[in-house]
Amino acid sequence: MNNDKIEQILNEHQGQPGALIKVMMEIQEENHWLPREVLVKVSEKLEVPLSRVLRIATIYKTFSLTPKGRYQVNICTGTACQVRGAQQVLEEVQKITGIKPGETDPDMKFSLETVNCQGCCSLGPLVEIDGKTHGKTAPAEIAEALKKYE
């Protein structure tokens, strides 16, 4: 966790309760998750009740209260992607990384999630790794794609 960067983010928005979600998103992007002690600091610096900060952290799926890997792997499991082999791609990613959806590997390298339709049905099965979209992904190709993130 880069405490200096987090302090910088908080200091830029000190006393600005309207910046709560923006601050949380910036910290999440920097740190990959929101530890409780950081949420307490957010509450104090932005002058927002901790209960509100915690409520927002648990409502929005973009926020995580548990540690996440450096690289987020999202596999679309919408209907079009399922029909085109998303389950086989998911199984291959699980085999390679040793994790299931909702988990992070012990090295804190990858976190795996399944997501609903991403609106790119013609590119299915769709895999997103660290924000980069990989379309028409075959199970045999996913190992090569993951190697790029080592």
Foldseek 3Di string as FASTA:
>chain_A
DPVVVLVVLLVVQFQALVCLVVSQLVCCLVQVAQELVSLVSSCRRNVHDSVVSVVVQPPDPSHHHDQAAPKEKEWEPEPLQVVLPSVLLQVLVCVVQVDHAPDHGPVSHYHYHYDYDPPPSVFHRWMAMRNDIHGSDDNVCVVVVVVVRD
